[in-house]
């Protein structure tokens, strides 16, 4: 029998000590419990749909911009590297990273805002909670249960945020939001790997789109410092390669800082089990200086990219499309989470058809 936990630190999440699945199943044999989770996520319908869900730009605007699918893969790569350096469970962080955006809406960042507004009388919309619904209920692959029947630990990592009202309905999974305790180190790590990935690839996408300029980026201390280092080391490097090299150094700086700071925090706290981790403060963190620099970067991106007038135009279009198809929510259960009735299937095919036509017309007008 393979021991998948032999190389892990005592404070890591161990497959052999998982809190289990909502529906008990036989052990997966040649795979760990978290490897089984990862495989189920990769083969899910929702994972394939991430190809057409975008971060900032819509799918028709170019095939070089990030989608939720490519973003999830980038998060998984960063998370696995960090987990290996800290002797955490790589399989768990990979599963969590690949599933963390399954509940995101189309229309980039604006889609969630619009849908949240539409659902404000029914508790709003939380994409983390929707991701949990996807893996717990909406996927239809197995004869014995709805959803993917993932382990507690993977589901815990997916549910990064949750309102207290919703947490009270989630039993054991929601208890940490009520008690204000911590999730596993793997969940904490994946959360920050997500931040590293989107902070850096949104710079790339923003510059590629022309909504950001290199002159603007020089306002960001972290970017400016590493960009100057690239120019010094590689004078005359072509623009795209100069940018890629800068972003590469940024990712390296962030991951190195996170690994070093977290390793020191773990050494100081000396947790002996995952339960010690849950009872203590967050132990996967950036240094104070890096936290300040990444916060400044996020503020810059929010002001100059996410709220750019061209991105806001899509907010208006998304609101119009979704608003056009608001329905009488006499059956809120159907829309809030479990399954849509067949009578809604044609409706949503129509939404996507209309959206495609409107986007193409917009593209023709701007060409």
Protein backbone atom coordinates (compact mmCIF):
# COMPACT_ATOMS: atom_id res chain seq x y z
CA UNK A 1 0.00 0.00 0.00
CA UNK A 2 1.37 3.42 -0.98
CA UNK A 3 1.97 5.88 1.87
CA UNK A 4 1.03 9.22 0.32
CA UNK A 5 1.70 11.12 3.54
CA UNK A 6 5.22 9.92 4.41
CA UNK A 7 7.01 13.02 3.12
CA UNK A 8 4.62 15.57 4.65
CA UNK A 9 5.18 17.80 7.66
CA UNK A 10 3.10 16.89 10.75
CA UNK A 11 0.97 20.02 10.29
CA UNK A 12 0.04 19.19 6.68
CA UNK A 13 -3.33 17.78 5.66
CA UNK A 14 -2.92 14.01 5.37
CA UNK A 15 -4.98 11.97 2.96
CA UNK A 16 -5.09 9.04 5.37
CA UNK A 17 -6.60 11.28 8.07
CA UNK A 18 -9.13 13.09 5.91
CA UNK A 19 -12.45 14.00 7.51
CA UNK A 20 -14.00 12.09 4.65
CA UNK A 21 -16.72 12.63 2.07
CA UNK A 22 -20.40 13.46 2.42
CA UNK A 23 -21.19 10.02 0.97
CA UNK A 24 -18.79 7.27 2.13
CA UNK A 25 -16.88 5.49 -0.65
CA UNK A 26 -14.25 2.74 -0.81
CA UNK A 27 -10.62 3.92 -0.77
CA UNK A 28 -9.34 4.94 -4.23
CA UNK A 29 -6.55 2.35 -4.28
CA UNK A 30 -3.58 3.60 -6.31
CA UNK A 31 -4.48 7.24 -5.69
CA UNK A 32 -4.71 9.32 -2.55
CA UNK A 33 -8.07 10.77 -1.54
CA UNK A 34 -6.96 14.22 -2.71
CA UNK A 35 -5.69 12.87 -6.04
CA UNK A 36 -9.15 11.39 -6.58
CA UNK A 37 -10.63 14.84 -5.87
CA UNK A 38 -8.31 16.46 -8.40
CA UNK A 39 -9.20 13.91 -11.07
CA UNK A 40 -12.92 14.35 -10.52
CA UNK A 41 -12.57 18.12 -10.83
CA UNK A 42 -10.61 17.88 -14.08
CA UNK A 43 -13.24 15.57 -15.60
CA UNK A 44 -16.17 17.72 -14.46
CA UNK A 45 -18.41 19.69 -16.79
CA UNK A 46 -17.94 22.86 -14.75
CA UNK A 47 -14.16 22.71 -15.19
CA UNK A 48 -14.49 22.62 -18.98
CA UNK A 49 -16.86 25.58 -18.85
CA UNK A 50 -14.10 27.71 -17.33
CA UNK A 51 -12.68 28.01 -20.86
CA UNK A 52 -15.37 30.58 -21.69
CA UNK A 53 -15.40 32.42 -18.36
CA UNK A 54 -12.96 35.28 -18.26
CA UNK A 55 -11.02 37.27 -15.68
CA UNK A 56 -11.29 40.83 -16.99
CA UNK A 57 -11.83 40.68 -20.75
CA UNK A 58 -14.49 38.78 -22.64
CA UNK A 59 -13.66 35.70 -24.66
CA UNK A 60 -14.16 37.34 -28.06
CA UNK A 61 -11.61 40.07 -27.32
CA UNK A 62 -8.61 37.83 -27.97
CA UNK A 63 -7.41 34.28 -27.45
CA UNK A 64 -4.30 35.41 -25.57
CA UNK A 65 -6.15 36.87 -22.58
CA UNK A 66 -6.57 34.73 -19.47
CA UNK A 67 -9.71 32.74 -18.89
CA UNK A 68 -10.82 31.18 -15.63
CA UNK A 69 -9.43 27.91 -16.97
CA UNK A 70 -5.91 29.17 -17.66
CA UNK A 71 -5.99 31.15 -14.42
CA UNK A 72 -6.86 28.02 -12.42
CA UNK A 73 -3.97 26.14 -14.03
CA UNK A 74 -1.57 28.97 -13.17
CA UNK A 75 -2.80 29.01 -9.56
CA UNK A 76 -2.29 25.24 -9.33
CA UNK A 77 1.29 25.52 -10.61
CA UNK A 78 2.22 28.24 -8.12
CA UNK A 79 0.45 26.47 -5.26
CA UNK A 80 2.17 23.13 -5.91
CA UNK A 81 5.59 24.79 -5.95
CA UNK A 82 4.91 26.51 -2.63
CA UNK A 83 3.40 23.39 -1.06
CA UNK A 84 6.45 21.34 -1.96
CA UNK A 85 8.80 23.87 -0.36
CA UNK A 86 6.78 23.83 2.89
CA UNK A 87 6.15 20.05 2.90
CA UNK A 88 2.42 20.55 2.55
CA UNK A 89 0.06 18.36 0.56
CA UNK A 90 0.58 19.15 -3.13
CA UNK A 91 -2.39 17.06 -4.26
CA UNK A 92 -4.77 18.95 -1.99
CA UNK A 93 -3.58 22.39 -3.09
CA UNK A 94 -3.83 21.31 -6.74
CA UNK A 95 -7.40 20.07 -6.28
CA UNK A 96 -8.39 23.25 -4.44
CA UNK A 97 -6.74 25.50 -7.01
CA UNK A 98 -8.42 23.79 -9.95
CA UNK A 99 -11.85 24.00 -8.30
CA UNK A 100 -11.73 27.41 -6.64
CA UNK A 101 -13.38 29.30 -9.53
CA UNK A 102 -15.95 26.72 -10.67
CA UNK A 103 -18.80 28.91 -9.43
CA UNK A 104 -17.69 32.12 -11.10
CA UNK A 105 -20.00 33.90 -13.51
CA UNK A 106 -19.36 34.86 -17.13
CA UNK A 107 -18.68 38.55 -18.01
CA UNK A 108 -15.40 38.68 -16.10
CA UNK A 109 -15.37 40.43 -12.72
CA UNK A 110 -18.51 42.40 -13.53
CA UNK A 111 -20.68 39.29 -13.89
CA UNK A 112 -20.67 38.57 -10.16
CA UNK A 113 -21.56 42.17 -9.30
CA UNK A 114 -24.51 42.15 -11.69
CA UNK A 115 -25.79 38.76 -10.56
CA UNK A 116 -25.37 39.74 -6.91
CA UNK A 117 -27.53 42.79 -7.58
CA UNK A 118 -30.15 40.66 -9.34
CA UNK A 119 -30.26 38.26 -6.37
CA UNK A 120 -30.07 40.85 -3.57
CA UNK A 121 -33.59 40.03 -2.37
CA UNK A 122 -32.67 36.34 -2.17
CA UNK A 123 -29.43 36.50 -0.20
CA UNK A 124 -27.19 37.79 -2.98
CA UNK A 125 -24.65 35.76 -4.93
CA UNK A 126 -21.32 34.46 -3.59
CA UNK A 127 -19.12 32.76 -6.16
CA UNK A 128 -17.32 30.71 -3.49
CA UNK A 129 -20.63 29.34 -2.28
CA UNK A 130 -21.64 28.65 -5.87
CA UNK A 131 -18.39 26.72 -6.40
CA UNK A 132 -19.37 24.58 -3.43
CA UNK A 133 -22.85 24.03 -4.89
CA UNK A 134 -21.28 22.89 -8.13
CA UNK A 135 -19.14 20.20 -6.50
CA UNK A 136 -21.77 19.20 -3.92
CA UNK A 137 -24.94 19.19 -6.03
CA UNK A 138 -24.89 20.42 -9.61
CA UNK A 139 -22.43 18.04 -11.27
CA UNK A 140 -24.15 14.86 -12.51
CA UNK A 141 -21.57 12.12 -13.09
CA UNK A 142 -22.16 9.39 -10.54
CA UNK A 143 -24.96 6.96 -9.89
CA UNK A 144 -24.73 6.97 -6.11
CA UNK A 145 -24.79 10.72 -5.42
CA UNK A 146 -25.16 14.21 -6.85
CA UNK A 147 -22.07 16.35 -7.24
CA UNK A 148 -18.46 15.15 -7.09
CA UNK A 149 -18.49 14.00 -3.46
CA UNK A 150 -15.16 15.64 -2.68
CA UNK A 151 -13.33 15.38 0.63
CA UNK A 152 -13.98 17.80 3.46
CA UNK A 153 -10.50 19.30 3.03
CA UNK A 154 -10.96 20.15 -0.65
CA UNK A 155 -14.40 21.61 -0.01
CA UNK A 156 -12.95 23.63 2.87
CA UNK A 157 -10.35 25.12 0.54
CA UNK A 158 -12.95 25.99 -2.10
CA UNK A 159 -15.05 27.93 0.42
CA UNK A 160 -12.64 30.83 0.88
CA UNK A 161 -15.32 33.31 2.02
CA UNK A 162 -18.81 32.82 3.38
CA UNK A 163 -21.38 35.03 5.11
CA UNK A 164 -22.40 34.02 8.60
CA UNK A 165 -25.96 33.44 7.45
CA UNK A 166 -24.82 30.92 4.84
CA UNK A 167 -22.18 29.42 7.16
CA UNK A 168 -24.89 28.46 9.64
CA UNK A 169 -26.52 26.33 6.94
CA UNK A 170 -23.34 24.42 6.05
CA UNK A 171 -22.83 22.43 9.24
CA UNK A 172 -19.25 21.36 9.94
CA UNK A 173 -17.92 23.04 6.80
CA UNK A 174 -19.25 26.45 7.80
CA UNK A 175 -18.28 26.23 11.47
CA UNK A 176 -14.90 27.93 11.06
CA UNK A 177 -16.58 31.14 9.86
CA UNK A 178 -18.72 31.12 13.00
CA UNK A 179 -15.86 30.22 15.37
CA UNK A 180 -13.33 32.36 13.46
CA UNK A 181 -10.83 29.53 13.26
CA UNK A 182 -8.44 28.79 10.39
CA UNK A 183 -8.68 26.38 7.47
CA UNK A 184 -5.84 24.01 6.59
CA UNK A 185 -2.46 25.43 5.59
CA UNK A 186 -3.16 24.11 2.09
CA UNK A 187 -6.30 26.26 1.90
CA UNK A 188 -4.42 29.31 3.20
CA UNK A 189 -1.64 28.72 0.67
CA UNK A 190 -3.99 28.30 -2.31
CA UNK A 191 -5.72 31.56 -1.41
CA UNK A 192 -2.43 33.47 -1.68
CA UNK A 193 -1.32 31.54 -4.78
CA UNK A 194 -4.54 32.80 -6.37
CA UNK A 195 -3.56 36.35 -5.46
CA UNK A 196 -0.05 35.94 -6.90
CA UNK A 197 -1.45 34.55 -10.16
CA UNK A 198 -4.10 37.19 -10.83
CA UNK A 199 -1.98 40.16 -9.73
CA UNK A 200 0.66 39.22 -12.28
CA UNK A 201 -1.38 37.99 -15.23
CA UNK A 202 -3.75 40.95 -14.99
CA UNK A 203 -0.73 43.20 -15.56
CA UNK A 204 0.11 41.18 -18.66
CA UNK A 205 -3.48 41.23 -19.96
CA UNK A 206 -3.91 44.91 -19.14
CA UNK A 207 -0.78 45.90 -21.06
CA UNK A 208 -1.62 43.59 -23.97
CA UNK A 209 -5.08 45.16 -24.27
CA UNK A 210 -3.71 48.70 -24.25
CA UNK A 211 -5.78 49.66 -21.22
CA UNK A 212 -2.56 49.96 -19.21
CA UNK A 213 0.78 51.42 -20.28
CA UNK A 214 4.32 50.77 -19.12
CA UNK A 215 4.49 54.40 -18.01
CA UNK A 216 1.51 53.81 -15.73
CA UNK A 217 3.03 50.61 -14.36
CA UNK A 218 6.09 52.58 -13.24
CA UNK A 219 3.80 54.06 -10.57
CA UNK A 220 3.78 50.66 -8.85
CA UNK A 221 6.88 50.31 -6.67
CA UNK A 222 7.21 46.52 -6.95
CA UNK A 223 6.86 46.52 -10.73
CA UNK A 224 9.14 49.54 -11.20
CA UNK A 225 11.95 48.09 -9.08
CA UNK A 226 12.01 44.76 -10.90
CA UNK A 227 11.48 46.34 -14.32
CA UNK A 228 14.53 48.54 -13.76
CA UNK A 229 16.50 45.42 -12.85
CA UNK A 230 15.44 43.77 -16.12
CA UNK A 231 16.43 46.85 -18.15
CA UNK A 232 19.79 46.96 -16.39
CA UNK A 233 20.48 43.28 -16.94
CA UNK A 234 19.09 43.03 -20.50
CA UNK A 235 19.46 46.43 -22.21
CA UNK A 236 17.63 46.60 -25.54
CA UNK A 237 15.35 43.63 -24.87
CA UNK A 238 12.20 43.74 -27.06
CA UNK A 239 9.09 45.04 -25.30
CA UNK A 240 7.12 41.83 -24.81
CA UNK A 241 10.18 39.93 -23.57
CA UNK A 242 11.03 42.81 -21.26
CA UNK A 243 7.52 42.61 -19.80
CA UNK A 244 7.57 38.81 -19.46
CA UNK A 245 10.93 38.95 -17.71
CA UNK A 246 9.60 41.57 -15.29
CA UNK A 247 6.50 39.53 -14.49
CA UNK A 248 8.65 36.42 -14.06
CA UNK A 249 10.74 38.26 -11.46
CA UNK A 250 7.57 39.50 -9.73
CA UNK A 251 6.18 35.98 -9.40
CA UNK A 252 9.55 34.76 -8.14
CA UNK A 253 9.77 37.59 -5.59
CA UNK A 254 6.24 36.98 -4.30
CA UNK A 255 6.57 33.21 -4.03
CA UNK A 256 10.02 33.41 -2.41
CA UNK A 257 8.76 35.95 0.14
CA UNK A 258 5.67 33.87 0.91
CA UNK A 259 7.68 30.68 1.32
CA UNK A 260 10.33 32.26 3.56
CA UNK A 261 7.86 34.18 5.73
CA UNK A 262 5.56 31.17 6.13
CA UNK A 263 8.45 28.84 6.94
CA UNK A 264 9.54 31.17 9.73
CA UNK A 265 6.00 31.48 11.08
CA UNK A 266 5.66 27.69 11.09
CA UNK A 267 8.99 27.28 12.86
CA UNK A 268 7.98 29.81 15.52
CA UNK A 269 4.48 28.40 16.06
CA UNK A 270 5.62 24.76 15.80
CA UNK A 271 2.16 23.24 15.15
CA UNK A 272 2.18 19.46 15.56
CA UNK A 273 -1.03 18.69 13.71
CA UNK A 274 -3.62 20.18 11.41
CA UNK A 275 -5.81 20.75 14.47
CA UNK A 276 -3.09 23.00 15.91
CA UNK A 277 -3.17 24.91 12.62
CA UNK A 278 -6.94 25.35 12.78
CA UNK A 279 -6.78 26.69 16.35
CA UNK A 280 -4.00 29.24 15.72
CA UNK A 281 -3.50 32.41 13.66
CA UNK A 282 -2.91 32.36 9.86
CA UNK A 283 0.54 30.90 9.20
CA UNK A 284 0.81 31.29 5.42
CA UNK A 285 1.56 34.96 4.92
CA UNK A 286 3.63 37.52 3.06
CA UNK A 287 6.14 39.64 4.92
CA UNK A 288 4.88 43.08 5.95
CA UNK A 289 6.83 44.78 3.16
CA UNK A 290 5.56 42.42 0.46
CA UNK A 291 2.01 42.71 1.78
CA UNK A 292 2.22 46.49 1.47
CA UNK A 293 3.59 46.22 -2.07
CA UNK A 294 0.97 43.72 -3.24
CA UNK A 295 -1.79 45.82 -1.67
CA UNK A 296 -0.53 48.85 -3.59
CA UNK A 297 -0.50 46.76 -6.78
CA UNK A 298 -4.09 45.61 -6.23
CA UNK A 299 -5.24 49.18 -5.63
CA UNK A 300 -3.55 50.27 -8.84
CA UNK A 301 -5.18 47.49 -10.87
CA UNK A 302 -8.57 48.21 -9.37
CA UNK A 303 -8.39 51.91 -10.19
CA UNK A 304 -6.74 51.67 -13.61
CA UNK A 305 -7.85 48.33 -15.06
CA UNK A 306 -10.91 46.81 -13.36
CA UNK A 307 -12.64 50.22 -13.32
CA UNK A 308 -11.38 51.34 -16.71
CA UNK A 309 -14.18 52.90 -18.76
CA UNK A 310 -13.90 50.19 -21.43
CA UNK A 311 -14.29 47.48 -18.79
CA UNK A 312 -17.19 49.40 -17.25
CA UNK A 313 -18.94 49.41 -20.64
CA UNK A 314 -19.13 45.64 -20.34
CA UNK A 315 -20.64 46.09 -16.86
CA UNK A 316 -23.50 48.01 -18.47
CA UNK A 317 -23.95 45.36 -21.18
CA UNK A 318 -23.86 42.53 -18.64
CA UNK A 319 -26.46 44.29 -16.52
CA UNK A 320 -28.69 44.77 -19.56
CA UNK A 321 -28.40 41.14 -20.66
CA UNK A 322 -29.02 39.67 -17.23
CA UNK A 323 -31.73 42.21 -16.44
CA UNK A 324 -33.56 41.37 -19.66
CA UNK A 325 -34.05 37.84 -18.42
CA UNK A 326 -34.91 38.39 -14.81
CA UNK A 327 -37.64 35.95 -13.95
CA UNK A 328 -40.32 35.91 -11.31
CA UNK A 329 -38.52 34.08 -8.52
CA UNK A 330 -41.53 32.16 -7.34
CA UNK A 331 -39.21 29.16 -7.05
CA UNK A 332 -36.03 30.68 -5.55
CA UNK A 333 -34.58 27.21 -4.90
CA UNK A 334 -34.31 26.66 -8.65
CA UNK A 335 -32.11 29.72 -9.14
CA UNK A 336 -30.34 29.85 -5.79
CA UNK A 337 -28.60 26.66 -6.14
CA UNK A 338 -29.70 23.18 -6.58
CA UNK A 339 -30.94 22.58 -10.12
CA UNK A 340 -32.78 24.51 -12.80
CA UNK A 341 -35.97 23.03 -14.13
CA UNK A 342 -35.89 21.91 -17.79
CA UNK A 343 -38.17 24.82 -18.72
CA UNK A 344 -35.26 27.21 -18.04
CA UNK A 345 -32.80 25.44 -20.35
CA UNK A 346 -34.03 27.11 -23.53
CA UNK A 347 -34.13 30.45 -21.74
CA UNK A 348 -30.41 30.31 -20.96
CA UNK A 349 -29.54 29.12 -24.46
CA UNK A 350 -31.34 32.24 -25.67
CA UNK A 351 -29.38 34.42 -23.25
CA UNK A 352 -26.09 33.16 -24.65
CA UNK A 353 -27.29 33.56 -28.24
CA UNK A 354 -28.34 37.15 -27.59
CA UNK A 355 -25.12 37.87 -25.72
CA UNK A 356 -23.02 36.55 -28.59
CA UNK A 357 -24.89 38.71 -31.11
CA UNK A 358 -24.59 41.80 -28.93
CA UNK A 359 -20.87 41.26 -28.33
CA UNK A 360 -20.21 40.72 -32.04
CA UNK A 361 -22.12 43.90 -32.92
CA UNK A 362 -20.14 45.82 -30.32
CA UNK A 363 -16.91 44.43 -31.75
CA UNK A 364 -17.91 45.48 -35.27
CA UNK A 365 -18.72 49.01 -34.12
CA UNK A 366 -15.35 49.37 -32.38
CA UNK A 367 -13.35 47.89 -35.28
